[in-house]
PDB file of N, CA and C in Angstrom:
ATOM      1  N   ARG A   1     112.112-104.054  74.184  1.00  0.00           N
ATOM      2  CA  ARG A   1     112.508-105.321  72.932  1.00  0.00           C
ATOM      3  C   ARG A   1     110.696-104.087  72.865  1.00  0.00           C
ATOM      4  N   GLU A   2     111.543-103.799  71.190  1.00  0.00           N
ATOM      5  CA  GLU A   2     109.886-103.101  70.364  1.00  0.00           C
ATOM      6  C   GLU A   2     109.417-104.002  69.511  1.00  0.00           C
ATOM      7  N   VAL A   3     107.852-103.393  69.164  1.00  0.00           N
ATOM      8  CA  VAL A   3     107.977-104.362  67.544  1.00  0.00           C
ATOM      9  C   VAL A   3     107.064-103.078  66.632  1.00  0.00           C
ATOM     10  N   PHE A   4     107.912-103.512  65.609  1.00  0.00           N
ATOM     11  CA  PHE A   4     107.265-101.985  64.241  1.00  0.00           C
ATOM     12  C   PHE A   4     106.799-102.602  63.055  1.00  0.00           C
ATOM     13  N   GLU A   5     106.303-102.307  62.314  1.00  0.00           N
ATOM     14  CA  GLU A   5     105.745-102.464  61.353  1.00  0.00           C
ATOM     15  C   GLU A   5     106.313-101.641  59.986  1.00  0.00           C
ATOM     16  N   PHE A   6     107.343-101.137  58.667  1.00  0.00           N
ATOM     17  CA  PHE A   6     107.423-101.155  58.446  1.00  0.00           C
ATOM     18  C   PHE A   6     106.725-101.290  57.071  1.00  0.00           C
ATOM     19  N   GLN A   7     106.699-100.343  55.805  1.00  0.00           N
ATOM     20  CA  GLN A   7     106.734-100.681  54.579  1.00  0.00           C
ATOM     21  C   GLN A   7     108.478-100.995  53.974  1.00  0.00           C
ATOM     22  N   THR A   8     109.341-101.539  52.593  1.00  0.00           N
ATOM     23  CA  THR A   8     110.107-101.713  52.384  1.00  0.00           C
ATOM     24  C   THR A   8     110.119-100.850  51.127  1.00  0.00           C
ATOM     25  N   LYS A   9     111.205 -99.802  51.568  1.00  0.00           N
ATOM     26  CA  LYS A   9     111.950 -99.677  49.695  1.00  0.00           C
ATOM     27  C   LYS A   9     112.714-100.385  48.780  1.00  0.00           C
ATOM     28  N   GLU A  10     113.447-100.574  49.549  1.00  0.00           N
ATOM     29  CA  GLU A  10     114.432-101.526  48.762  1.00  0.00           C
ATOM     30  C   GLU A  10     114.602-102.638  49.397  1.00  0.00           C
ATOM     31  N   ILE A  11     115.061-103.957  48.912  1.00  0.00           N
ATOM     32  CA  ILE A  11     115.526-105.106  48.911  1.00  0.00           C
ATOM     33  C   ILE A  11     116.326-105.923  48.550  1.00  0.00           C
ATOM     34  N   SER A  12     117.156-106.876  49.154  1.00  0.00           N
ATOM     35  CA  SER A  12     118.111-107.386  48.430  1.00  0.00           C
ATOM     36  C   SER A  12     118.811-108.358  49.050  1.00  0.00           C
ATOM     37  N   ALA A  13     119.415-109.376  49.251  1.00  0.00           N
ATOM     38  CA  ALA A  13     120.371-110.299  49.325  1.00  0.00           C
ATOM     39  C   ALA A  13     121.379-109.697  50.625  1.00  0.00           C
ATOM     40  N   ALA A  14     121.141-108.362  50.648  1.00  0.00           N
ATOM     41  CA  ALA A  14     122.395-108.442  51.778  1.00  0.00           C
ATOM     42  C   ALA A  14     121.672-107.590  52.310  1.00  0.00           C
ATOM     43  N   GLY A  15     120.762-106.674  52.114  1.00  0.00           N
ATOM     44  CA  GLY A  15     120.148-106.135  53.624  1.00  0.00           C
ATOM     45  C   GLY A  15     118.599-105.245  52.698  1.00  0.00           C
ATOM     46  N   VAL A  16     118.189-104.619  53.988  1.00  0.00           N
ATOM     47  CA  VAL A  16     117.126-104.164  53.530  1.00  0.00           C
ATOM     48  C   VAL A  16     116.644-102.308  53.509  1.00  0.00           C
ATOM     49  N   PHE A  17     116.407-101.325  52.700  1.00  0.00           N
ATOM     50  CA  PHE A  17     116.225-100.523  54.158  1.00  0.00           C
ATOM     51  C   PHE A  17     114.315-100.190  53.918  1.00  0.00           C
ATOM     52  N   LEU A  18     113.574 -99.575  55.140  1.00  0.00           N
ATOM     53  CA  LEU A  18     112.861 -98.966  55.313  1.00  0.00           C
ATOM     54  C   LEU A  18     112.267 -98.106  55.231  1.00  0.00           C
ATOM     55  N   ASN A  19     111.471 -97.946  54.616  1.00  0.00           N
ATOM     56  CA  ASN A  19     110.156 -96.165  55.057  1.00  0.00           C
ATOM     57  C   ASN A  19     109.643 -96.604  56.323  1.00  0.00           C
ATOM     58  N   SER A  20     110.332 -95.135  57.157  1.00  0.00           N
ATOM     59  CA  SER A  20     110.560 -94.783  58.888  1.00  0.00           C
ATOM     60  C   SER A  20     110.775 -93.947  58.690  1.00  0.00           C
ATOM     61  N   ALA A  21     109.721 -93.101  60.718  1.00  0.00           N
ATOM     62  CA  ALA A  21     110.755 -91.581  60.220  1.00  0.00           C
ATOM     63  C   ALA A  21     111.147 -91.957  62.293  1.00  0.00           C
ATOM     64  N   ALA A  22     111.197 -93.581  62.153  1.00  0.00           N
ATOM     65  CA  ALA A  22     111.984 -93.515  63.378  1.00  0.00           C
ATOM     66  C   ALA A  22     113.655 -93.544  63.546  1.00  0.00           C
ATOM     67  N   GLN A  23     114.106 -93.962  64.763  1.00  0.00           N
ATOM     68  CA  GLN A  23     115.126 -93.228  65.162  1.00  0.00           C
ATOM     69  C   GLN A  23     115.497 -94.247  65.688  1.00  0.00           C
ATOM     70  N   ILE A  24     115.931 -95.576  65.018  1.00  0.00           N
ATOM     71  CA  ILE A  24     116.734 -95.909  65.734  1.00  0.00           C
ATOM     72  C   ILE A  24     118.184 -95.213  65.554  1.00  0.00           C
ATOM     73  N   PRO A  25     119.116 -96.689  66.872  1.00  0.00           N
ATOM     74  CA  PRO A  25     120.688 -95.919  67.124  1.00  0.00           C
ATOM     75  C   PRO A  25     121.236 -96.987  65.746  1.00  0.00           C
ATOM     76  N   GLU A  26     122.102 -96.421  65.184  1.00  0.00           N
ATOM     77  CA  GLU A  26     123.438 -97.236  63.927  1.00  0.00           C
ATOM     78  C   GLU A  26     123.205 -98.467  64.794  1.00  0.00           C
ATOM     79  N   GLY A  27     123.879 -99.714  64.643  1.00  0.00           N
ATOM     80  CA  GLY A  27     124.048-100.466  65.467  1.00  0.00           C
ATOM     81  C   GLY A  27     123.616-101.329  66.637  1.00  0.00           C
ATOM     82  N   THR A  28     122.145-101.318  66.106  1.00  0.00           N
ATOM     83  CA  THR A  28     120.947-101.702  67.244  1.00  0.00           C
ATOM     84  C   THR A  28     120.445-103.393  66.069  1.00  0.00           C
ATOM     85  N   ARG A  29     120.937-104.181  66.974  1.00  0.00           N
ATOM     86  CA  ARG A  29     120.013-105.301  66.628  1.00  0.00           C
ATOM     87  C   ARG A  29     119.119-105.312  66.302  1.00  0.00           C
ATOM     88  N   CYS A  30     118.556-106.509  65.473  1.00  0.00           N
ATOM     89  CA  CYS A  30     116.878-106.384  64.391  1.00  0.00           C
ATOM     90  C   CYS A  30     116.593-107.990  64.503  1.00  0.00           C
ATOM     91  N   GLN A  31     115.373-108.757  64.488  1.00  0.00           N
ATOM     92  CA  GLN A  31     115.140-109.565  64.094  1.00  0.00           C
ATOM     93  C   GLN A  31     114.059-108.771  63.314  1.00  0.00           C
ATOM     94  N   LEU A  32     114.274-109.728  62.101  1.00  0.00           N
ATOM     95  CA  LEU A  32     112.926-108.870  61.089  1.00  0.00           C
ATOM     96  C   LEU A  32     112.403-110.735  60.723  1.00  0.00           C
ATOM     97  N   GLU A  33     111.369-110.075  60.382  1.00  0.00           N
ATOM     98  CA  GLU A  33     109.522-110.789  59.888  1.00  0.00           C
ATOM     99  C   GLU A  33     109.443-110.170  58.409  1.00  0.00           C
ATOM    100  N   LEU A  34     109.979-110.452  57.429  1.00  0.00           N
ATOM    101  CA  LEU A  34     109.240-109.266  56.242  1.00  0.00           C
ATOM    102  C   LEU A  34     108.334-110.574  55.379  1.00  0.00           C
ATOM    103  N   THR A  35     107.222-110.427  55.276  1.00  0.00           N
ATOM    104  CA  THR A  35     106.155-110.703  53.654  1.00  0.00           C
ATOM    105  C   THR A  35     106.443-110.031  53.207  1.00  0.00           C
ATOM    106  N   VAL A  36     106.722-111.143  51.734  1.00  0.00           N
ATOM    107  CA  VAL A  36     107.111-110.748  49.972  1.00  0.00           C
ATOM    108  C   VAL A  36     105.314-111.452  49.336  1.00  0.00           C
ATOM    109  N   PRO A  37     104.578-110.555  48.698  1.00  0.00           N
ATOM    110  CA  PRO A  37     103.542-110.806  48.064  1.00  0.00           C
ATOM    111  C   PRO A  37     104.483-110.888  46.935  1.00  0.00           C
ATOM    112  N   SER A  38     103.809-111.993  46.473  1.00  0.00           N
ATOM    113  CA  SER A  38     103.818-112.890  45.295  1.00  0.00           C
ATOM    114  C   SER A  38     102.744-113.456  44.562  1.00  0.00           C
ATOM    115  N   ASP A  39     102.765-112.966  43.659  1.00  0.00           N
ATOM    116  CA  ASP A  39     100.962-113.637  42.872  1.00  0.00           C
ATOM    117  C   ASP A  39     101.524-115.398  41.913  1.00  0.00           C
ATOM    118  N   THR A  40     103.007-115.227  41.808  1.00  0.00           N
ATOM    119  CA  THR A  40     103.142-116.488  41.523  1.00  0.00           C
ATOM    120  C   THR A  40     103.580-117.599  42.251  1.00  0.00           C
ATOM    121  N   ILE A  41     103.889-117.323  43.637  1.00  0.00           N
ATOM    122  CA  ILE A  41     103.938-117.780  45.250  1.00  0.00           C
ATOM    123  C   ILE A  41     103.338-118.220  45.030  1.00  0.00           C
ATOM    124  N   LYS A  42     102.384-117.698  45.458  1.00  0.00           N
ATOM    125  CA  LYS A  42     100.529-118.019  45.871  1.00  0.00           C
ATOM    126  C   LYS A  42     100.121-118.645  45.018  1.00  0.00           C
ATOM    127  N   GLU A  43     100.133-118.253  43.735  1.00  0.00           N
ATOM    128  CA  GLU A  43      99.487-119.444  42.421  1.00  0.00           C
ATOM    129  C   GLU A  43      99.580-120.891  42.713  1.00  0.00           C
ATOM    130  N   LEU A  44     101.147-120.676  43.072  1.00  0.00           N
ATOM    131  CA  LEU A  44     101.752-122.451  42.767  1.00  0.00           C
ATOM    132  C   LEU A  44     101.631-123.318  44.120  1.00  0.00           C
ATOM    133  N   THR A  45     101.162-121.724  44.613  1.00  0.00           N
ATOM    134  CA  THR A  45     101.146-122.742  46.135  1.00  0.00           C
ATOM    135  C   THR A  45     100.348-122.113  47.057  1.00  0.00           C
ATOM    136  N   GLY A  46      99.633-120.746  47.399  1.00  0.00           N
ATOM    137  CA  GLY A  46      98.293-121.611  48.255  1.00  0.00           C
ATOM    138  C   GLY A  46      98.774-120.538  49.172  1.00  0.00           C
ATOM    139  N   ALA A  47     100.069-119.980  48.976  1.00  0.00           N
ATOM    140  CA  ALA A  47     100.700-119.686  49.884  1.00  0.00           C
ATOM    141  C   ALA A  47     101.397-117.516  50.400  1.00  0.00           C
ATOM    142  N   GLN A  48     101.550-117.393  51.210  1.00  0.00           N
ATOM    143  CA  GLN A  48     103.199-116.331  50.463  1.00  0.00           C
ATOM    144  C   GLN A  48     103.980-116.337  51.271  1.00  0.00           C
ATOM    145  N   SER A  49     105.555-115.737  51.177  1.00  0.00           N
ATOM    146  CA  SER A  49     106.338-115.906  52.043  1.00  0.00           C
ATOM    147  C   SER A  49     106.582-115.425  52.430  1.00  0.00           C
ATOM    148  N   LEU A  50     107.469-115.706  53.829  1.00  0.00           N
ATOM    149  CA  LEU A  50     107.859-115.076  54.426  1.00  0.00           C
ATOM    150  C   LEU A  50     109.718-114.980  55.028  1.00  0.00           C
ATOM    151  N   ILE A  51     109.878-114.068  55.056  1.00  0.00           N
ATOM    152  CA  ILE A  51     112.294-114.501  55.287  1.00  0.00           C
ATOM    153  C   ILE A  51     111.659-113.243  56.805  1.00  0.00           C
ATOM    154  N   LYS A  52     112.215-114.636  56.982  1.00  0.00           N
ATOM    155  CA  LYS A  52     113.132-114.233  58.815  1.00  0.00           C
ATOM    156  C   LYS A  52     114.488-114.132  58.812  1.00  0.00           C
ATOM    157  N   VAL A  53     114.452-113.168  59.433  1.00  0.00           N
ATOM    158  CA  VAL A  53     116.186-112.888  59.088  1.00  0.00           C
ATOM    159  C   VAL A  53     116.479-111.706  60.635  1.00  0.00           C
ATOM    160  N   GLU A  54     118.247-112.309  60.225  1.00  0.00           N
ATOM    161  CA  GLU A  54     118.007-111.137  61.233  1.00  0.00           C
ATOM    162  C   GLU A  54     119.666-109.839  60.608  1.00  0.00           C
ATOM    163  N   GLY A  55     119.494-109.226  61.655  1.00  0.00           N
ATOM    164  CA  GLY A  55     120.451-108.490  61.112  1.00  0.00           C
ATOM    165  C   GLY A  55     120.846-106.761  62.042  1.00  0.00           C
ATOM    166  N   THR A  56     121.433-105.755  61.512  1.00  0.00           N
ATOM    167  CA  THR A  56     121.781-104.815  62.368  1.00  0.00           C
ATOM    168  C   THR A  56     121.962-103.356  61.746  1.00  0.00           C
ATOM    169  N   VAL A  57     121.478-102.249  62.362  1.00  0.00           N
ATOM    170  CA  VAL A  57     121.293-100.827  61.061  1.00  0.00           C
ATOM    171  C   VAL A  57     121.967-100.677  60.872  1.00  0.00           C
ATOM    172  N   VAL A  58     122.487-100.145  59.996  1.00  0.00           N
ATOM    173  CA  VAL A  58     123.783 -99.244  59.507  1.00  0.00           C
ATOM    174  C   VAL A  58     123.530 -98.269  58.897  1.00  0.00           C
ATOM    175  N   ARG A  59     122.367 -97.953  58.959  1.00  0.00           N
ATOM    176  CA  ARG A  59     122.721 -96.678  58.943  1.00  0.00           C
ATOM    177  C   ARG A  59     120.637 -96.081  59.308  1.00  0.00           C
ATOM    178  N   CYS A  60     120.339 -94.830  59.277  1.00  0.00           N
ATOM    179  CA  CYS A  60     119.206 -94.075  60.050  1.00  0.00           C
ATOM    180  C   CYS A  60     119.302 -92.798  58.967  1.00  0.00           C
ATOM    181  N   THR A  61     117.994 -92.913  58.940  1.00  0.00           N
ATOM    182  CA  THR A  61     117.812 -90.871  58.230  1.00  0.00           C
ATOM    183  C   THR A  61     116.752 -90.526  58.218  1.00  0.00           C
ATOM    184  N   GLU A  62     116.391 -89.478  58.234  1.00  0.00           N
ATOM    185  CA  GLU A  62     114.866 -88.999  58.214  1.00  0.00           C
ATOM    186  C   GLU A  62     113.474 -89.648  57.371  1.00  0.00           C
ATOM    187  N   LYS A  63     114.487 -90.808  55.999  1.00  0.00           N
ATOM    188  CA  LYS A  63     113.627 -90.928  55.128  1.00  0.00           C
ATOM    189  C   LYS A  63     113.464 -92.501  55.693  1.00  0.00           C
ATOM    190  N   GLY A  64     114.309 -92.982  56.319  1.00  0.00           N
ATOM    191  CA  GLY A  64     114.719 -94.267  56.528  1.00  0.00           C
ATOM    192  C   GLY A  64     115.889 -95.561  57.262  1.00  0.00           C
ATOM    193  N   LEU A  65     115.264 -96.624  57.587  1.00  0.00           N
ATOM    194  CA  LEU A  65     116.463 -96.930  58.083  1.00  0.00           C
ATOM    195  C   LEU A  65     117.375 -98.192  56.986  1.00  0.00           C
ATOM    196  N   ALA A  66     118.273 -98.550  57.093  1.00  0.00           N
ATOM    197  CA  ALA A  66     119.124 -99.809  56.487  1.00  0.00           C
ATOM    198  C   ALA A  66     119.422 -99.627  57.603  1.00  0.00           C
ATOM    199  N   ILE A  67     118.884-101.570  56.394  1.00  0.00           N
ATOM    200  CA  ILE A  67     119.174-102.748  57.718  1.00  0.00           C
ATOM    201  C   ILE A  67     120.503-104.062  56.576  1.00  0.00           C
ATOM    202  N   CYS A  68     121.270-104.114  57.453  1.00  0.00           N
ATOM    203  CA  CYS A  68     121.965-105.215  57.238  1.00  0.00           C
ATOM    204  C   CYS A  68     122.078-106.769  57.665  1.00  0.00           C
ATOM    205  N   PHE A  69     121.483-107.602  56.359  1.00  0.00           N
ATOM    206  CA  PHE A  69     121.266-108.818  57.069  1.00  0.00           C
ATOM    207  C   PHE A  69     122.401-109.620  57.649  1.00  0.00           C
ATOM    208  N   ASP A  70     122.553-110.464  58.475  1.00  0.00           N
ATOM    209  CA  ASP A  70     123.535-111.514  58.147  1.00  0.00           C
ATOM    210  C   ASP A  70     123.674-112.153  57.667  1.00  0.00           C
ATOM    211  N   GLY A  71     124.631-113.349  57.341  1.00  0.00           N
ATOM    212  CA  GLY A  71     124.931-114.481  56.266  1.00  0.00           C
ATOM    213  C   GLY A  71     123.674-114.940  56.487  1.00  0.00           C
ATOM    214  N   GLU A  72     122.747-115.474  57.109  1.00  0.00           N
ATOM    215  CA  GLU A  72     122.052-117.001  56.592  1.00  0.00           C
ATOM    216  C   GLU A  72     120.804-116.247  57.466  1.00  0.00           C
ATOM    217  N   CYS A  73     119.253-116.519  56.265  1.00  0.00           N
ATOM    218  CA  CYS A  73     118.288-116.194  56.776  1.00  0.00           C
ATOM    219  C   CYS A  73     117.699-117.690  56.380  1.00  0.00           C
ATOM    220  N   GLU A  74     116.406-117.694  56.912  1.00  0.00           N
ATOM    221  CA  GLU A  74     115.071-118.724  55.927  1.00  0.00           C
ATOM    222  C   GLU A  74     113.916-118.351  55.946  1.00  0.00           C
ATOM    223  N   ILE A  75     113.854-119.059  54.530  1.00  0.00           N
ATOM    224  CA  ILE A  75     113.005-118.498  53.784  1.00  0.00           C
ATOM    225  C   ILE A  75     111.737-119.774  54.427  1.00  0.00           C
ATOM    226  N   LEU A  76     110.933-118.860  54.638  1.00  0.00           N
ATOM    227  CA  LEU A  76     108.778-119.867  54.540  1.00  0.00           C
ATOM    228  C   LEU A  76     108.158-119.560  53.869  1.00  0.00           C
ATOM    229  N   CYS A  77     107.302-120.222  53.726  1.00  0.00           N
ATOM    230  CA  CYS A  77     106.072-120.395  53.222  1.00  0.00           C
ATOM    231  C   CYS A  77     104.682-120.776  54.425  1.00  0.00           C
ATOM    232  N   ILE A  78     103.954-119.519  54.391  1.00  0.00           N
ATOM    233  CA  ILE A  78     103.051-119.436  54.908  1.00  0.00           C
ATOM    234  C   ILE A  78     101.440-119.869  54.083  1.00  0.00           C
ATOM    235  N   ARG A  79     100.954-120.558  54.865  1.00  0.00           N
ATOM    236  CA  ARG A  79      99.387-120.129  53.806  1.00  0.00           C
ATOM    237  C   ARG A  79      98.160-118.747  54.513  1.00  0.00           C
ATOM    238  N   ALA A  80      97.605-118.317  52.711  1.00  0.00           N
ATOM    239  CA  ALA A  80      97.199-117.107  52.791  1.00  0.00           C
ATOM    240  C   ALA A  80      95.784-117.652  53.763  1.00  0.00           C
ATOM    241  N   LEU A  81      95.914-116.307  54.391  1.00  0.00           N
ATOM    242  CA  LEU A  81      94.437-116.521  54.983  1.00  0.00           C
ATOM    243  C   LEU A  81      93.255-116.198  53.957  1.00  0.00           C
TER     244      LEU A  81
END
Protein backbone atom coordinates (compact mmCIF):
# COMPACT_ATOMS: atom_id res chain seq x y z
CA ARG A 1 0.00 0.00 0.00
CA GLU A 2 1.18 3.46 -0.88
CA VAL A 3 -0.35 6.90 -0.46
CA PHE A 4 -0.02 9.52 -3.21
CA GLU A 5 -1.25 13.07 -3.53
CA PHE A 6 -2.33 14.20 -7.01
CA GLN A 7 -4.19 17.01 -8.72
CA THR A 8 -7.00 16.06 -11.05
CA LYS A 9 -6.99 17.09 -14.67
CA GLU A 10 -10.44 15.77 -15.55
CA ILE A 11 -13.18 14.21 -13.46
CA SER A 12 -16.58 12.74 -14.27
CA ALA A 13 -19.09 10.34 -12.73
CA ALA A 14 -17.24 7.47 -14.45
CA GLY A 15 -13.64 8.26 -13.49
CA VAL A 16 -10.75 10.66 -13.15
CA PHE A 17 -7.50 11.56 -14.89
CA LEU A 18 -4.70 12.46 -12.47
CA ASN A 19 -1.63 14.48 -13.40
CA SER A 20 1.32 12.32 -12.38
CA ALA A 21 4.69 11.06 -13.47
CA ALA A 22 4.17 7.97 -11.27
CA GLN A 23 4.02 4.74 -13.21
CA ILE A 24 1.20 2.68 -11.71
CA PRO A 25 0.38 -0.47 -13.67
CA GLU A 26 -2.93 -0.82 -15.47
CA GLY A 27 -5.29 -3.02 -13.47
CA THR A 28 -4.08 -1.65 -10.10
CA ARG A 29 -6.95 -1.23 -7.65
CA CYS A 30 -7.17 2.18 -5.92
CA GLN A 31 -9.01 3.80 -3.04
CA LEU A 32 -9.41 7.53 -3.65
CA GLU A 33 -10.40 10.44 -1.46
CA LEU A 34 -11.08 13.45 -3.67
CA THR A 35 -11.56 16.89 -2.13
CA VAL A 36 -13.71 19.02 -4.39
CA PRO A 37 -13.38 22.74 -3.67
CA SER A 38 -16.67 24.55 -4.13
CA ASP A 39 -17.42 28.06 -2.96
CA THR A 40 -21.17 27.32 -3.20
CA ILE A 41 -20.96 24.21 -0.99
CA LYS A 42 -18.73 26.04 1.48
CA GLU A 43 -21.07 29.04 1.55
CA LEU A 44 -24.17 26.88 2.14
CA THR A 45 -22.73 24.34 4.58
CA GLY A 46 -19.47 25.74 5.93
CA ALA A 47 -17.84 22.55 4.62
CA GLN A 48 -15.94 21.26 1.63
CA SER A 49 -17.05 18.14 -0.21
CA LEU A 50 -15.16 14.87 -0.08
CA ILE A 51 -15.73 11.99 -2.48
CA LYS A 52 -14.59 8.53 -1.41
CA VAL A 53 -14.48 6.02 -4.24
CA GLU A 54 -12.67 2.89 -5.39
CA GLY A 55 -11.54 2.21 -8.91
CA THR A 56 -9.04 0.63 -11.27
CA VAL A 57 -6.17 2.18 -13.23
CA VAL A 58 -7.18 1.76 -16.88
CA ARG A 59 -4.42 3.83 -18.51
CA CYS A 60 -1.00 5.09 -17.47
CA THR A 61 0.95 7.55 -19.63
CA GLU A 62 3.86 9.90 -19.08
CA LYS A 63 1.27 12.64 -18.36
CA GLY A 64 -0.80 10.78 -15.80
CA LEU A 65 -3.24 8.07 -14.81
CA ALA A 66 -6.81 7.33 -15.87
CA ILE A 67 -8.86 5.63 -13.16
CA CYS A 68 -12.30 4.15 -13.80
CA PHE A 69 -14.56 4.34 -10.73
CA ASP A 70 -16.47 1.35 -9.42
CA GLY A 71 -20.24 1.66 -9.60
CA GLU A 72 -20.74 3.17 -6.17
CA CYS A 73 -19.22 6.17 -4.45
CA GLU A 74 -19.87 8.01 -1.22
CA ILE A 75 -20.05 11.81 -1.14
CA LEU A 76 -19.42 13.40 2.25
CA CYS A 77 -19.12 16.91 3.60
CA ILE A 78 -16.35 17.74 6.02
CA ARG A 79 -16.00 20.88 8.07
CA ALA A 80 -13.58 23.44 6.69
CA LEU A 81 -10.66 24.22 8.96
